[in-house]
């Protein structure tokens, strides 16, 4: 079964405060969580050695559409940031990137001074290489593993694949590095993505990668294209791991179209579903005064999203070519450490904190929406699915 490591971009948090179930239910109410006061970040970007300000440095929060550039004095300010865990990234040609993991709470106001070290790029390393037929095969494989094989992936393109270098010393394994940021156009969702790939490894049936990405909204050619993009974004969000974790934070799984079951492993290492649905309150513990929560369970959980059918390509990807697409989407989540922390954006804070299997693993970069994206008028405490037969 193919899987993908998932997690946020934060280091592990040393948070251990728990509260009782009664307080949990109160704090997960709509009144407590619906309106979070946004945070603000400001600061300055300068040369590491001279202290001179750096103008036009790109400052962004990884995985979001949130970002800005520095002014002539090297200063920047980003407002209206939803509370959560982020990686603040500063990038400018000729200097090393300077990422820093930050945890923003309600109404936080943070100031950062980032000192960037100059770096010399060898341009022949960036764009000249042995781009032969073998490289082309590796590129095709990389795109299937990284971009994905869903219907949305057909309209996703890496505009500068020549910056990629591949290593496949062992049969079935593939490693990739990017000598410059990948520029990706997702014409299915209407995003242009700048992706700083840090690590990509595939071995056997497991793929994992980390990187820093910034999303930009593309400009639609007309109202019809804008409508298609918004429809595709909503469908990509609904049923996703982020949608599930946001719904779990409000203890509103069924109302959002999800069913959840506990899976136990037998003495032979095989997983079996518990016949009874798992109560979300058993695996969720809210962190006091923080709008974050801990997620903690043994073995793994089965997640059924009952309001969308499988992509027709999923059975083939899952090596079950002879069956028709199911009317529901079934995924599995396993923790690599216990507990993991989930932020208000539905993001697992710990890098590689969990592994996803099944349908959530089928969805890759082509199906990913920014951390700050929500469907119009969406809130997990008030959202209700319509015409979801499997839940009726």
Protein backbone atom coordinates (compact mmCIF):
# COMPACT_ATOMS: atom_id res chain seq x y z
CA UNK A 1 0.00 0.00 0.00
CA UNK A 2 1.50 3.33 -1.02
CA UNK A 3 1.95 5.83 1.76
CA UNK A 4 3.22 9.35 2.24
CA UNK A 5 4.74 10.85 5.33
CA UNK A 6 2.80 13.87 6.50
CA UNK A 7 3.39 16.57 9.01
CA UNK A 8 3.90 20.26 9.48
CA UNK A 9 7.19 22.08 9.34
CA UNK A 10 7.63 22.65 13.05
CA UNK A 11 10.01 21.02 15.46
CA UNK A 12 8.42 18.96 18.19
CA UNK A 13 6.55 21.04 20.72
CA UNK A 14 6.96 20.45 24.44
CA UNK A 15 3.30 20.85 25.32
CA UNK A 16 1.74 18.53 27.82
CA UNK A 17 -1.24 20.28 29.40
CA UNK A 18 -4.49 18.38 29.12
CA UNK A 19 -7.99 19.29 30.16
CA UNK A 20 -10.99 17.19 31.00
CA UNK A 21 -13.58 16.02 28.49
CA UNK A 22 -16.15 18.45 29.79
CA UNK A 23 -13.87 21.43 29.16
CA UNK A 24 -12.92 19.85 25.85
CA UNK A 25 -16.53 19.85 24.67
CA UNK A 26 -16.99 23.46 25.73
CA UNK A 27 -13.82 24.71 24.02
CA UNK A 28 -14.63 22.82 20.83
CA UNK A 29 -17.92 24.67 20.57
CA UNK A 30 -18.54 27.14 17.76
CA UNK A 31 -18.44 30.07 20.20
CA UNK A 32 -14.91 29.22 21.35
CA UNK A 33 -13.23 28.51 18.03
CA UNK A 34 -15.08 30.33 15.29
CA UNK A 35 -13.30 33.68 15.59
CA UNK A 36 -9.55 33.67 16.19
CA UNK A 37 -7.77 37.02 16.36
CA UNK A 38 -5.12 37.05 13.60
CA UNK A 39 -1.41 37.51 14.22
CA UNK A 40 1.15 39.91 12.73
CA UNK A 41 4.79 39.39 11.76
CA UNK A 42 7.22 42.17 11.00
CA UNK A 43 10.97 42.43 10.72
CA UNK A 44 14.03 43.19 8.68
CA UNK A 45 16.28 41.26 6.27
CA UNK A 46 19.96 42.16 6.06
CA UNK A 47 23.26 40.87 4.70
CA UNK A 48 24.92 38.55 7.22
CA UNK A 49 28.38 40.13 6.92
CA UNK A 50 27.72 43.81 6.18
CA UNK A 51 24.36 44.38 7.86
CA UNK A 52 23.15 46.17 4.70
CA UNK A 53 19.39 45.90 4.09
CA UNK A 54 18.21 43.52 1.36
CA UNK A 55 15.42 44.87 -0.84
CA UNK A 56 12.94 42.66 -2.70
CA UNK A 57 13.62 39.61 -0.53
CA UNK A 58 10.63 37.26 -0.69
CA UNK A 59 9.22 36.60 2.78
CA UNK A 60 6.47 33.97 3.00
CA UNK A 61 4.81 31.37 5.20
CA UNK A 62 5.42 27.94 3.72
CA UNK A 63 2.39 26.10 2.38
CA UNK A 64 0.25 29.24 2.17
CA UNK A 65 -0.56 32.17 -0.11
CA UNK A 66 0.67 34.53 2.63
CA UNK A 67 3.80 36.53 1.83
CA UNK A 68 5.36 39.86 0.93
CA UNK A 69 8.66 41.45 -0.20
CA UNK A 70 11.03 43.70 1.69
CA UNK A 71 11.17 47.45 1.08
CA UNK A 72 14.36 49.49 0.40
CA UNK A 73 15.15 49.44 4.12
CA UNK A 74 14.88 45.64 4.14
CA UNK A 75 11.72 45.77 6.25
CA UNK A 76 8.60 43.66 5.90
CA UNK A 77 5.24 43.25 7.59
CA UNK A 78 2.64 40.49 7.20
CA UNK A 79 -0.77 40.96 8.80
CA UNK A 80 -3.98 38.96 9.16
CA UNK A 81 -2.23 35.62 9.77
CA UNK A 82 -4.48 32.87 11.18
CA UNK A 83 -3.02 31.37 14.39
CA UNK A 84 -1.10 28.17 13.77
CA UNK A 85 2.30 26.59 13.19
CA UNK A 86 4.30 27.90 10.24
CA UNK A 87 7.72 28.00 8.68
CA UNK A 88 8.74 31.58 7.91
CA UNK A 89 10.98 31.58 4.84
CA UNK A 90 13.15 34.38 3.44
CA UNK A 91 14.44 33.88 -0.09
CA UNK A 92 16.45 36.10 -2.43
CA UNK A 93 18.78 35.29 -5.32
CA UNK A 94 22.41 35.23 -4.24
CA UNK A 95 21.70 34.32 -0.60
CA UNK A 96 20.93 31.20 1.38
CA UNK A 97 17.36 30.74 2.49
CA UNK A 98 16.66 31.43 6.15
CA UNK A 99 13.68 29.37 7.36
CA UNK A 100 12.52 29.58 10.95
CA UNK A 101 9.73 27.59 12.59
CA UNK A 102 7.21 29.75 14.42
CA UNK A 103 4.13 29.13 16.51
CA UNK A 104 1.57 31.94 16.29
CA UNK A 105 -1.17 32.28 18.84
CA UNK A 106 -4.10 34.68 18.81
CA UNK A 107 -3.17 38.36 18.43
CA UNK A 108 0.56 37.59 18.45
CA UNK A 109 2.87 40.34 17.22
CA UNK A 110 6.33 39.04 16.35
CA UNK A 111 9.48 40.75 15.13
CA UNK A 112 12.28 38.91 13.34
CA UNK A 113 15.64 40.04 12.02
CA UNK A 114 16.95 37.61 9.40
CA UNK A 115 20.64 37.76 8.48
CA UNK A 116 21.26 36.02 5.15
CA UNK A 117 24.60 34.59 4.08
CA UNK A 118 25.70 35.16 0.48
CA UNK A 119 26.03 32.03 -1.65
CA UNK A 120 27.64 31.56 -5.04
CA UNK A 121 25.71 29.41 -7.51
CA UNK A 122 27.53 27.54 -10.24
CA UNK A 123 25.15 28.07 -13.16
CA UNK A 124 26.54 25.12 -15.06
CA UNK A 125 25.40 22.96 -12.14
CA UNK A 126 21.89 24.36 -12.37
CA UNK A 127 21.06 23.95 -16.02
CA UNK A 128 23.70 21.75 -17.64
CA UNK A 129 23.71 18.05 -17.02
CA UNK A 130 23.21 14.64 -18.51
CA UNK A 131 19.55 15.14 -19.39
CA UNK A 132 19.36 11.92 -21.37
CA UNK A 133 16.67 9.28 -21.85
CA UNK A 134 17.34 7.84 -18.42
CA UNK A 135 16.81 11.29 -16.86
CA UNK A 136 13.53 11.56 -18.77
CA UNK A 137 12.37 8.24 -17.32
CA UNK A 138 13.28 9.38 -13.82
CA UNK A 139 11.43 12.65 -14.40
CA UNK A 140 8.26 10.84 -15.48
CA UNK A 141 8.45 8.65 -12.40
CA UNK A 142 9.12 11.63 -10.14
CA UNK A 143 6.12 13.50 -11.55
CA UNK A 144 3.82 10.52 -10.90
CA UNK A 145 5.06 10.21 -7.32
CA UNK A 146 5.24 13.93 -6.51
CA UNK A 147 2.49 15.53 -8.60
CA UNK A 148 0.25 12.47 -8.41
CA UNK A 149 -1.95 10.44 -10.74
CA UNK A 150 -5.40 11.84 -10.01
CA UNK A 151 -7.58 13.49 -12.66
CA UNK A 152 -6.37 16.91 -11.47
CA UNK A 153 -2.75 15.94 -12.16
CA UNK A 154 -3.35 16.06 -15.93
CA UNK A 155 -3.29 19.86 -15.82
CA UNK A 156 -0.28 20.27 -13.52
CA UNK A 157 3.15 20.99 -14.97
CA UNK A 158 6.65 21.61 -13.61
CA UNK A 159 7.84 24.52 -15.74
CA UNK A 160 11.56 24.09 -15.01
CA UNK A 161 12.21 20.33 -14.68
CA UNK A 162 15.80 20.80 -15.86
CA UNK A 163 16.79 21.83 -12.31
CA UNK A 164 16.03 18.31 -11.04
CA UNK A 165 18.74 15.71 -10.45
CA UNK A 166 17.94 12.08 -9.71
CA UNK A 167 19.67 9.20 -7.96
CA UNK A 168 18.47 5.63 -8.36
CA UNK A 169 21.35 3.47 -7.21
CA UNK A 170 19.10 0.66 -6.00
CA UNK A 171 16.27 -1.00 -7.88
CA UNK A 172 12.89 0.44 -6.91
CA UNK A 173 14.40 3.49 -5.16
CA UNK A 174 14.42 7.06 -6.34
CA UNK A 175 15.92 10.16 -4.76
CA UNK A 176 15.62 13.66 -6.18
CA UNK A 177 17.14 17.05 -5.48
CA UNK A 178 16.36 20.41 -7.04
CA UNK A 179 19.21 22.80 -7.85
CA UNK A 180 16.73 25.70 -7.83
CA UNK A 181 13.11 26.17 -6.72
CA UNK A 182 10.57 24.18 -8.74
CA UNK A 183 8.00 26.36 -10.50
CA UNK A 184 4.72 24.45 -10.72
CA UNK A 185 1.53 25.52 -12.46
CA UNK A 186 -1.62 23.81 -11.27
CA UNK A 187 -4.11 24.70 -13.99
CA UNK A 188 -6.73 22.47 -12.37
CA UNK A 189 -6.89 24.55 -9.18
CA UNK A 190 -5.53 27.87 -10.45
CA UNK A 191 -2.33 28.03 -8.40
CA UNK A 192 1.27 28.83 -9.31
CA UNK A 193 3.54 27.18 -6.74
CA UNK A 194 7.17 27.94 -5.96
CA UNK A 195 8.50 24.79 -4.29
CA UNK A 196 11.88 24.65 -2.52
CA UNK A 197 12.41 20.88 -2.44
CA UNK A 198 14.50 19.83 0.55
CA UNK A 199 14.20 16.06 0.36
CA UNK A 200 12.52 13.50 -1.87
CA UNK A 201 12.85 9.76 -1.36
CA UNK A 202 10.90 6.82 -2.71
CA UNK A 203 11.56 3.23 -1.74
CA UNK A 204 9.31 0.25 -2.30
CA UNK A 205 5.78 1.51 -1.72
CA UNK A 206 6.68 4.50 0.45
CA UNK A 207 7.24 8.06 -0.73
CA UNK A 208 8.25 10.95 1.46
CA UNK A 209 9.33 14.50 0.82
CA UNK A 210 9.74 17.80 2.58
CA UNK A 211 10.00 21.31 1.23
CA UNK A 212 8.87 24.89 1.46
CA UNK A 213 6.15 26.06 -0.88
CA UNK A 214 4.43 29.32 -1.64
CA UNK A 215 1.10 29.45 -3.49
CA UNK A 216 -0.03 32.29 -5.74
CA UNK A 217 -3.49 32.59 -7.27
CA UNK A 218 -3.38 32.49 -11.04
CA UNK A 219 -5.49 34.98 -13.00
CA UNK A 220 -8.48 33.34 -14.72
CA UNK A 221 -9.11 34.22 -18.36
CA UNK A 222 -12.84 34.59 -17.73
CA UNK A 223 -15.59 34.06 -15.16
CA UNK A 224 -16.17 30.49 -16.31
CA UNK A 225 -12.59 29.49 -15.56
CA UNK A 226 -12.75 31.19 -12.15
CA UNK A 227 -15.89 29.18 -11.37
CA UNK A 228 -14.24 25.92 -12.44
CA UNK A 229 -11.19 26.64 -10.29
CA UNK A 230 -13.30 27.36 -7.22
CA UNK A 231 -15.35 24.20 -7.75
CA UNK A 232 -12.18 22.12 -8.11
CA UNK A 233 -10.64 23.72 -5.02
CA UNK A 234 -13.72 22.89 -2.95
CA UNK A 235 -13.71 19.29 -4.15
CA UNK A 236 -9.96 18.98 -3.45
CA UNK A 237 -10.43 20.33 0.08
CA UNK A 238 -13.51 18.28 0.97
CA UNK A 239 -12.49 14.86 2.23
CA UNK A 240 -8.80 15.82 2.46
CA UNK A 241 -6.66 15.14 5.52
CA UNK A 242 -6.86 18.84 6.45
CA UNK A 243 -10.68 18.73 6.23
CA UNK A 244 -10.68 15.64 8.44
CA UNK A 245 -8.37 17.15 11.08
CA UNK A 246 -10.36 20.41 11.17
CA UNK A 247 -13.59 18.43 11.60
CA UNK A 248 -11.96 16.33 14.31
CA UNK A 249 -10.97 19.49 16.19
CA UNK A 250 -14.66 20.37 16.54
CA UNK A 251 -15.78 16.77 17.19
CA UNK A 252 -17.96 17.18 14.10
CA UNK A 253 -16.91 14.24 11.93
CA UNK A 254 -20.30 12.89 10.89
CA UNK A 255 -21.67 16.37 10.20
CA UNK A 256 -18.72 16.91 7.85
CA UNK A 257 -19.20 13.60 6.08
CA UNK A 258 -16.62 11.44 7.88
CA UNK A 259 -16.83 8.08 9.61
CA UNK A 260 -13.89 6.88 11.71
CA UNK A 261 -12.99 3.38 12.87
CA UNK A 262 -10.21 1.96 15.01
CA UNK A 263 -7.95 -0.63 13.41
CA UNK A 264 -5.98 -3.18 15.40
CA UNK A 265 -3.08 -5.33 14.25
CA UNK A 266 -3.21 -9.09 14.86
CA UNK A 267 -0.32 -11.39 15.67
CA UNK A 268 0.46 -11.74 11.94
CA UNK A 269 0.75 -7.99 11.43
CA UNK A 270 -2.57 -7.63 9.58
CA UNK A 271 -4.96 -4.79 10.39
CA UNK A 272 -8.63 -5.38 11.17
CA UNK A 273 -11.39 -2.81 11.58
CA UNK A 274 -13.24 -2.53 14.86
CA UNK A 275 -16.95 -2.92 14.09
CA UNK A 276 -17.90 0.15 16.13
CA UNK A 277 -17.18 3.71 15.06
CA UNK A 278 -14.46 5.41 17.07
CA UNK A 279 -15.56 8.27 19.33
CA UNK A 280 -13.42 11.34 18.43
CA UNK A 281 -13.24 12.39 22.07
CA UNK A 282 -11.20 9.25 22.82
CA UNK A 283 -8.25 10.35 20.68
CA UNK A 284 -8.39 14.16 20.97
CA UNK A 285 -7.14 16.28 23.86
CA UNK A 286 -7.30 20.02 23.53
CA UNK A 287 -4.36 22.06 24.75
CA UNK A 288 -5.37 24.68 27.28
CA UNK A 289 -5.68 28.27 26.01
CA UNK A 290 -4.12 27.38 22.68
CA UNK A 291 -6.58 26.30 19.94
CA UNK A 292 -4.22 23.38 19.31
CA UNK A 293 -4.95 19.77 20.17
CA UNK A 294 -3.13 16.50 20.72
CA UNK A 295 -4.02 13.48 18.59
CA UNK A 296 -3.21 10.14 20.21
CA UNK A 297 -4.16 6.57 19.30
CA UNK A 298 -2.66 3.09 18.96
CA UNK A 299 -2.09 1.20 15.71
CA UNK A 300 -4.04 3.21 13.11
CA UNK A 301 -7.44 4.67 12.30
CA UNK A 302 -9.63 4.17 9.24
CA UNK A 303 -11.15 7.34 7.79
CA UNK A 304 -14.15 7.07 5.48
CA UNK A 305 -15.31 10.15 3.59
CA UNK A 306 -18.84 9.31 2.54
CA UNK A 307 -19.68 12.32 0.37
CA UNK A 308 -17.41 11.74 -2.63
CA UNK A 309 -16.76 8.70 -4.77
CA UNK A 310 -13.28 7.49 -5.62
CA UNK A 311 -11.46 8.91 -8.62
CA UNK A 312 -11.88 6.34 -11.44
CA UNK A 313 -8.07 6.05 -11.55
CA UNK A 314 -7.75 5.03 -7.90
CA UNK A 315 -8.43 1.28 -8.28
CA UNK A 316 -5.65 0.97 -10.88
CA UNK A 317 -3.25 3.01 -8.72
CA UNK A 318 -4.17 0.73 -5.80
CA UNK A 319 -3.47 -2.36 -7.95
CA UNK A 320 -7.13 -3.33 -8.03
CA UNK A 321 -7.77 -2.77 -11.73
CA UNK A 322 -10.73 -5.14 -11.89
CA UNK A 323 -13.02 -3.31 -9.50
CA UNK A 324 -15.20 -0.25 -10.06
CA UNK A 325 -14.56 2.96 -8.08
CA UNK A 326 -16.17 2.84 -4.65
CA UNK A 327 -18.88 5.30 -3.65
CA UNK A 328 -16.82 6.41 -0.63
CA UNK A 329 -13.15 7.32 -0.11
CA UNK A 330 -11.27 5.25 2.47
CA UNK A 331 -7.97 6.35 4.03
CA UNK A 332 -5.83 5.31 6.98
CA UNK A 333 -3.67 7.29 9.39
CA UNK A 334 -0.87 5.96 11.55
CA UNK A 335 1.14 7.96 14.09
CA UNK A 336 4.93 7.77 13.96
CA UNK A 337 5.12 9.30 17.43
CA UNK A 338 2.55 9.76 20.17
CA UNK A 339 0.96 12.15 20.56
CA UNK A 340 1.15 14.53 17.61
CA UNK A 341 0.03 18.14 17.77
CA UNK A 342 -2.54 19.56 15.33
CA UNK A 343 -2.73 23.32 14.79
CA UNK A 344 -5.83 25.47 14.06
CA UNK A 345 -5.20 25.09 10.30
CA UNK A 346 -5.60 21.31 10.44
CA UNK A 347 -1.85 20.77 10.07
CA UNK A 348 0.17 18.16 11.97
CA UNK A 349 2.94 20.16 13.61
CA UNK A 350 5.65 17.52 13.89
CA UNK A 351 7.58 16.83 10.68
CA UNK A 352 6.95 13.22 9.64
CA UNK A 353 4.60 12.96 12.62
CA UNK A 354 2.20 10.59 10.87
CA UNK A 355 1.88 8.40 7.80
CA UNK A 356 -1.19 8.34 5.61
CA UNK A 357 -2.34 5.40 3.51
CA UNK A 358 -5.14 4.69 1.09
CA UNK A 359 -7.01 7.50 -0.61
CA UNK A 360 -5.23 10.32 1.21
CA UNK A 361 -1.94 8.91 -0.07
CA UNK A 362 -3.32 8.83 -3.61
CA UNK A 363 -3.76 12.61 -3.38
CA UNK A 364 -0.46 14.43 -3.92
CA UNK A 365 0.65 17.94 -4.92
CA UNK A 366 -1.97 18.19 -7.69
CA UNK A 367 -4.76 17.94 -5.10
CA UNK A 368 -3.21 20.18 -2.46
CA UNK A 369 -4.78 23.50 -1.47
CA UNK A 370 -2.91 26.13 0.60
CA UNK A 371 -3.09 25.97 4.39
CA UNK A 372 -5.03 29.23 4.40
CA UNK A 373 -7.67 28.06 1.90
CA UNK A 374 -11.22 27.31 3.04
CA UNK A 375 -14.37 27.00 0.91
CA UNK A 376 -16.58 30.05 1.06
CA UNK A 377 -18.49 30.34 4.36
CA UNK A 378 -16.84 27.15 5.62
CA UNK A 379 -16.46 26.36 9.32
CA UNK A 380 -16.17 22.79 10.64
CA UNK A 381 -18.51 23.47 13.56
CA UNK A 382 -21.35 24.64 11.31
CA UNK A 383 -20.64 22.86 8.02
CA UNK A 384 -23.22 20.28 7.00
CA UNK A 385 -22.99 17.91 4.06
CA UNK A 386 -25.88 17.78 1.61
CA UNK A 387 -27.17 14.74 -0.26
CA UNK A 388 -24.65 12.40 1.37
CA UNK A 389 -26.44 9.07 1.00
CA UNK A 390 -23.88 7.01 2.88
CA UNK A 391 -24.59 8.96 6.08
CA UNK A 392 -28.36 8.84 5.81
